[in-house]
Amino acid sequence: MRPLVPVSFATRVVLGVLFFVVFFAAWAFATLGGYVSKTFLADPITMFKSGYALITEMDFAHDIAMTVWRVVGGFVIAALIALPLGVAMGAYKPIEAFFEPFISFARYLPASAFIPLLILWAGIGEAQKLALIFIASFFQLVLMIAVIVGNTRRDLVEAAYTLGAKDRSLIWRVLIPGAAPDIAETLRMVLGWAWTYVIVAELIGASSGIGHMITDSQALLATDQIIFGIIVIGVIGLISDTLFKLANRRMFPWAMLGR
C-alpha cells in the first residue's frame, strides 16, 4: 500500500465488503451482547425483521419509489438549468461577474430554511419537495461547473483560436468536451448531497416516502424501522453512485484512470 497508487477492482470490492462485515459485527456485538439498550439502538436481526414487515405488509416499496422520484426529479431539474448557466459563467467572464456573487451567497443558505416559504408558495405537495431538492442542488452545481469550465487548459484554447475556431465552436468543441469528465463527477457528488436533503423535504406534509416512515417511527420509538429506513437510503445512494461511476468510466475512460 503506497500513497496514490490505485488498487484493482477486485481489491476495492473485497475491502468495501469487509468494512460492512466489520461494521455489522460491531453493531451486533454491542446490541445483542446487551451493551446498548435496544430502546435506543435496535439490533441487526430485529431491524431486518422489521424491514421485511415494512416491505411486505406496509407498502414500504411505494415509500421508496416516492423518495427516489423526489430526489431524481429535483436533481434533474436543477442539473438541466445549472449546466448551461455554469458553462456560460465559466466561458464568459462578464456573465460570471454578474451571477457569481449571488450564486456564492445563495449556496451557503441552508435549503431547510426555505421550507416555510416553499410551503407558503407551493403548498405541501410534490412541488414543495422537488423545489427543496432543487435549491439544495442548483447553486452548488452552477458554481462547481463554472469553475471546471473556467479552468480549461489555456493551451487548448489558444490552439483552437490559432486554428480559426470561433467563440461558439470553442465552447462546443473545446470547453465542454474538456470539462465533461469533471462535470460528470460533479453531478455524481451533488446527487449524493441531494439525498441528504430528501428526509428534510419529507418531514412536513408528506403522506409517503422514507422520511414520512421515519417520522412516524420516531413517534413510536421504533428504532428498528428508523435504522432500516436510513440503511435503505444509503443502499439506494450507493447503487446510484456506482451506476454513475460506471457510466462515467464508459463515457470518459481516459479521465477515469486511477480513480
Protein backbone atom coordinates (compact mmCIF):
# COMPACT_ATOMS: atom_id res chain seq x y z
CA MET A 1 0.00 0.00 0.00
CA ARG A 2 1.57 3.26 -1.21
CA PRO A 3 0.18 6.82 -1.47
CA LEU A 4 -1.96 7.45 -4.57
CA VAL A 5 -1.26 4.02 -6.03
CA PRO A 6 -4.58 2.61 -7.36
CA VAL A 7 -5.82 -0.84 -6.43
CA SER A 8 -7.59 -3.39 -8.58
CA PHE A 9 -11.37 -3.50 -8.86
CA ALA A 10 -11.49 -6.86 -7.06
CA THR A 11 -9.46 -5.46 -4.15
CA ARG A 12 -11.76 -2.46 -3.87
CA VAL A 13 -14.80 -4.75 -3.74
CA VAL A 14 -13.26 -7.01 -1.10
CA LEU A 15 -12.16 -4.13 1.11
CA GLY A 16 -15.53 -2.39 0.74
CA VAL A 17 -17.45 -5.53 1.70
CA LEU A 18 -15.04 -6.16 4.58
CA PHE A 19 -15.87 -2.80 6.12
CA PHE A 20 -19.59 -3.61 6.16
CA VAL A 21 -18.87 -7.02 7.70
CA VAL A 22 -16.87 -5.40 10.50
CA PHE A 23 -19.50 -2.68 10.95
CA PHE A 24 -22.42 -5.11 11.32
CA ALA A 25 -20.37 -7.39 13.56
CA ALA A 26 -19.60 -4.50 15.92
CA TRP A 27 -23.26 -3.42 15.83
CA ALA A 28 -24.45 -6.93 16.64
CA PHE A 29 -21.88 -7.30 19.43
CA ALA A 30 -22.99 -4.02 21.05
CA THR A 31 -26.73 -4.68 20.84
CA LEU A 32 -27.10 -8.45 21.14
CA GLY A 33 -24.45 -8.51 23.84
CA GLY A 34 -26.53 -6.15 25.98
CA TYR A 35 -24.02 -3.30 25.95
CA VAL A 36 -26.50 -0.89 24.35
CA SER A 37 -30.21 -0.73 25.16
CA LYS A 38 -32.42 -1.87 22.27
CA THR A 39 -34.72 1.08 23.07
CA PHE A 40 -32.04 3.38 21.73
CA LEU A 41 -30.44 1.11 19.14
CA ALA A 42 -32.18 -1.95 17.70
CA ASP A 43 -30.08 -4.98 16.90
CA PRO A 44 -29.48 -6.00 13.26
CA ILE A 45 -31.77 -9.04 13.43
CA THR A 46 -34.75 -7.05 14.72
CA MET A 47 -34.02 -4.33 12.19
CA PHE A 48 -34.07 -6.73 9.24
CA LYS A 49 -37.26 -8.39 10.50
CA SER A 50 -38.96 -5.00 10.79
CA GLY A 51 -37.73 -4.06 7.35
CA TYR A 52 -39.18 -7.22 5.87
CA ALA A 53 -42.52 -6.44 7.55
CA LEU A 54 -42.43 -2.88 6.23
CA ILE A 55 -41.95 -4.06 2.67
CA THR A 56 -44.38 -6.99 2.72
CA GLU A 57 -47.13 -5.62 4.94
CA MET A 58 -46.93 -1.80 4.97
CA ASP A 59 -46.26 -0.96 1.29
CA PHE A 60 -42.84 0.46 2.05
CA ALA A 61 -41.85 -0.14 -1.58
CA HIS A 62 -44.20 2.71 -2.52
CA ASP A 63 -42.49 4.98 0.01
CA ILE A 64 -39.12 4.11 -1.50
CA ALA A 65 -40.38 4.84 -5.03
CA MET A 66 -41.76 8.23 -3.96
CA THR A 67 -38.49 9.22 -2.30
CA VAL A 68 -36.46 8.19 -5.36
CA TRP A 69 -38.83 10.18 -7.59
CA ARG A 70 -38.42 13.30 -5.46
CA VAL A 71 -34.65 13.14 -5.38
CA VAL A 72 -34.21 12.35 -9.06
CA GLY A 73 -36.89 14.84 -10.15
CA GLY A 74 -35.50 17.76 -8.18
CA PHE A 75 -31.92 16.93 -9.12
CA VAL A 76 -32.63 16.57 -12.85
CA ILE A 77 -34.44 19.91 -12.94
CA ALA A 78 -31.51 21.55 -11.14
CA ALA A 79 -28.97 19.95 -13.49
CA LEU A 80 -30.85 20.94 -16.65
CA ILE A 81 -30.72 24.61 -15.61
CA ALA A 82 -27.33 24.58 -13.89
CA LEU A 83 -25.43 23.02 -16.80
CA PRO A 84 -25.93 25.77 -19.40
CA LEU A 85 -25.66 28.53 -16.80
CA GLY A 86 -22.48 27.07 -15.32
CA VAL A 87 -20.91 26.65 -18.77
CA ALA A 88 -21.82 30.23 -19.68
CA MET A 89 -20.33 31.55 -16.43
CA GLY A 90 -17.14 29.57 -16.95
CA ALA A 91 -16.77 30.63 -20.57
CA TYR A 92 -17.72 34.31 -20.33
CA LYS A 93 -16.28 36.37 -17.51
CA PRO A 94 -18.94 39.14 -17.68
CA ILE A 95 -21.65 36.53 -17.14
CA GLU A 96 -19.65 35.12 -14.26
CA ALA A 97 -19.22 38.58 -12.74
CA PHE A 98 -22.99 39.12 -12.95
CA PHE A 99 -24.15 35.82 -11.44
CA GLU A 100 -21.27 34.68 -9.23
CA PRO A 101 -21.88 36.97 -6.20
CA PHE A 102 -25.49 35.84 -5.88
CA ILE A 103 -24.67 32.16 -6.53
CA SER A 104 -21.91 32.25 -3.91
CA PHE A 105 -24.31 33.92 -1.47
CA ALA A 106 -27.17 31.51 -2.12
CA ARG A 107 -25.13 28.31 -1.88
CA TYR A 108 -24.42 29.00 1.80
CA LEU A 109 -28.10 29.26 2.64
CA PRO A 110 -29.43 26.04 4.24
CA ALA A 111 -32.10 24.59 1.99
CA SER A 112 -34.14 23.53 5.03
CA ALA A 113 -34.60 27.20 5.95
CA PHE A 114 -36.72 27.63 2.82
CA ILE A 115 -39.33 25.07 3.91
CA PRO A 116 -41.77 27.64 5.45
CA LEU A 117 -41.58 29.78 2.31
CA LEU A 118 -41.88 26.79 -0.02
CA ILE A 119 -44.99 25.63 1.84
CA LEU A 120 -46.43 29.13 1.51
CA TRP A 121 -45.59 29.31 -2.20
CA ALA A 122 -46.14 25.74 -3.35
CA GLY A 123 -48.20 24.09 -0.62
CA ILE A 124 -47.28 20.74 0.91
CA GLY A 125 -47.50 18.66 -2.27
CA GLU A 126 -44.82 17.32 -4.57
CA ALA A 127 -43.85 20.77 -5.89
CA GLN A 128 -42.59 21.81 -2.45
CA LYS A 129 -40.42 18.71 -2.11
CA LEU A 130 -39.00 18.98 -5.63
CA ALA A 131 -38.26 22.66 -5.01
CA LEU A 132 -36.31 21.87 -1.84
CA ILE A 133 -34.14 19.30 -3.64
CA PHE A 134 -33.69 21.83 -6.47
CA ILE A 135 -32.46 24.53 -4.07
CA ALA A 136 -30.14 22.06 -2.33
CA SER A 137 -28.53 21.09 -5.65
CA PHE A 138 -28.75 24.01 -8.05
CA PHE A 139 -26.41 26.62 -6.59
CA GLN A 140 -23.68 24.09 -5.80
CA LEU A 141 -23.87 22.70 -9.33
CA VAL A 142 -23.71 26.07 -11.05
CA LEU A 143 -20.63 27.26 -9.21
CA MET A 144 -18.74 23.97 -9.49
CA ILE A 145 -19.46 23.66 -13.23
CA ALA A 146 -18.39 27.28 -13.79
CA VAL A 147 -15.09 26.63 -12.01
CA ILE A 148 -14.47 23.45 -14.02
CA VAL A 149 -15.13 25.14 -17.37
CA GLY A 150 -13.13 28.21 -16.36
CA ASN A 151 -10.10 26.02 -15.56
CA THR A 152 -9.86 24.60 -19.09
CA ARG A 153 -6.25 24.40 -20.21
CA ARG A 154 -5.24 27.67 -21.85
CA ASP A 155 -3.02 25.95 -24.40
CA LEU A 156 -6.08 24.14 -25.78
CA VAL A 157 -7.98 27.43 -26.05
CA GLU A 158 -5.09 29.20 -27.76
CA ALA A 159 -4.58 26.30 -30.15
CA ALA A 160 -8.26 26.37 -31.10
CA TYR A 161 -8.14 30.10 -31.81
CA THR A 162 -4.94 29.63 -33.82
CA LEU A 163 -6.74 27.06 -35.95
CA GLY A 164 -9.52 29.55 -36.63
CA ALA A 165 -12.17 28.49 -34.14
CA LYS A 166 -14.91 30.97 -33.34
CA ASP A 167 -16.38 31.52 -29.89
CA ARG A 168 -19.30 29.15 -30.36
CA SER A 169 -17.08 26.46 -31.84
CA LEU A 170 -14.63 26.89 -28.97
CA ILE A 171 -17.37 26.24 -26.41
CA TRP A 172 -18.82 23.18 -28.13
CA ARG A 173 -15.58 21.59 -29.35
CA VAL A 174 -13.05 22.52 -26.65
CA LEU A 175 -14.55 23.80 -23.39
CA ILE A 176 -17.45 21.38 -23.00
CA PRO A 177 -15.60 18.20 -24.14
CA GLY A 178 -12.61 19.10 -21.98
CA ALA A 179 -14.75 19.76 -18.90
CA ALA A 180 -17.24 16.91 -19.43
CA PRO A 181 -15.47 14.25 -17.29
CA ASP A 182 -15.17 16.58 -14.30
CA ILE A 183 -18.72 17.84 -14.78
CA ALA A 184 -19.94 14.23 -14.71
CA GLU A 185 -18.07 13.67 -11.43
CA THR A 186 -19.60 16.86 -10.04
CA LEU A 187 -23.09 15.64 -10.93
CA ARG A 188 -22.34 12.38 -9.12
CA MET A 189 -21.22 14.15 -5.96
CA VAL A 190 -24.06 16.65 -5.86
CA LEU A 191 -26.61 13.88 -6.38
CA GLY A 192 -25.28 12.46 -3.11
CA TRP A 193 -25.89 15.81 -1.42
CA ALA A 194 -29.44 15.85 -2.78
CA TRP A 195 -30.12 12.56 -0.99
CA THR A 196 -29.15 14.16 2.33
CA TYR A 197 -32.00 16.67 1.96
CA VAL A 198 -34.79 14.31 0.97
CA ILE A 199 -35.65 13.40 4.56
CA VAL A 200 -35.95 17.10 5.41
CA ALA A 201 -38.22 17.55 2.40
CA GLU A 202 -40.47 14.73 3.63
CA LEU A 203 -40.67 15.77 7.29
CA ILE A 204 -43.56 18.19 6.75
CA GLY A 205 -46.77 17.48 4.92
CA ALA A 206 -45.71 14.17 3.40
CA SER A 207 -48.06 11.20 3.35
CA SER A 208 -45.50 8.88 1.75
CA GLY A 209 -41.77 8.48 1.43
CA ILE A 210 -38.93 7.15 3.54
CA GLY A 211 -38.81 10.36 5.57
CA HIS A 212 -42.51 10.04 6.34
CA MET A 213 -41.96 6.50 7.61
CA ILE A 214 -39.01 7.60 9.75
CA THR A 215 -41.06 10.41 11.29
CA ASP A 216 -43.91 8.03 12.16
CA SER A 217 -41.42 5.53 13.60
CA GLN A 218 -39.86 8.22 15.76
CA ALA A 219 -43.19 8.84 17.47
CA LEU A 220 -43.39 5.12 18.29
CA LEU A 221 -39.71 4.86 19.37
CA ALA A 222 -39.34 2.19 16.68
CA THR A 223 -35.58 2.48 16.24
CA ASP A 224 -35.54 -0.72 14.18
CA GLN A 225 -37.71 0.90 11.49
CA ILE A 226 -35.78 4.18 11.67
CA ILE A 227 -32.47 2.38 11.14
CA PHE A 228 -33.92 0.32 8.30
CA GLY A 229 -35.11 3.49 6.55
CA ILE A 230 -31.68 5.08 6.92
CA ILE A 231 -29.98 1.95 5.57
CA VAL A 232 -32.35 1.84 2.58
CA ILE A 233 -31.40 5.42 1.71
CA GLY A 234 -27.73 4.50 1.98
CA VAL A 235 -28.16 1.43 -0.22
CA ILE A 236 -30.05 3.37 -2.90
CA GLY A 237 -27.44 6.12 -2.76
CA LEU A 238 -24.63 3.57 -3.09
CA ILE A 239 -26.35 1.96 -6.09
CA SER A 240 -26.88 5.31 -7.82
CA ASP A 241 -23.30 6.33 -7.08
CA THR A 242 -21.97 3.07 -8.52
CA LEU A 243 -24.11 3.43 -11.65
CA PHE A 244 -22.85 7.00 -12.07
CA LYS A 245 -19.24 5.81 -11.78
CA LEU A 246 -19.78 3.04 -14.32
CA ALA A 247 -21.42 5.46 -16.73
CA ASN A 248 -18.56 7.94 -16.32
CA ARG A 249 -15.98 5.23 -16.91
CA ARG A 250 -17.76 4.16 -20.09
CA MET A 251 -18.16 7.70 -21.44
CA PHE A 252 -14.79 9.11 -20.32
CA PRO A 253 -12.37 6.17 -19.90
CA TRP A 254 -9.29 8.37 -20.39
CA ALA A 255 -10.27 10.57 -17.44
CA MET A 256 -11.14 7.75 -15.04
CA LEU A 257 -7.72 6.09 -14.94
CA GLY A 258 -6.54 5.71 -11.37
CA ARG A 259 -9.86 6.77 -9.82
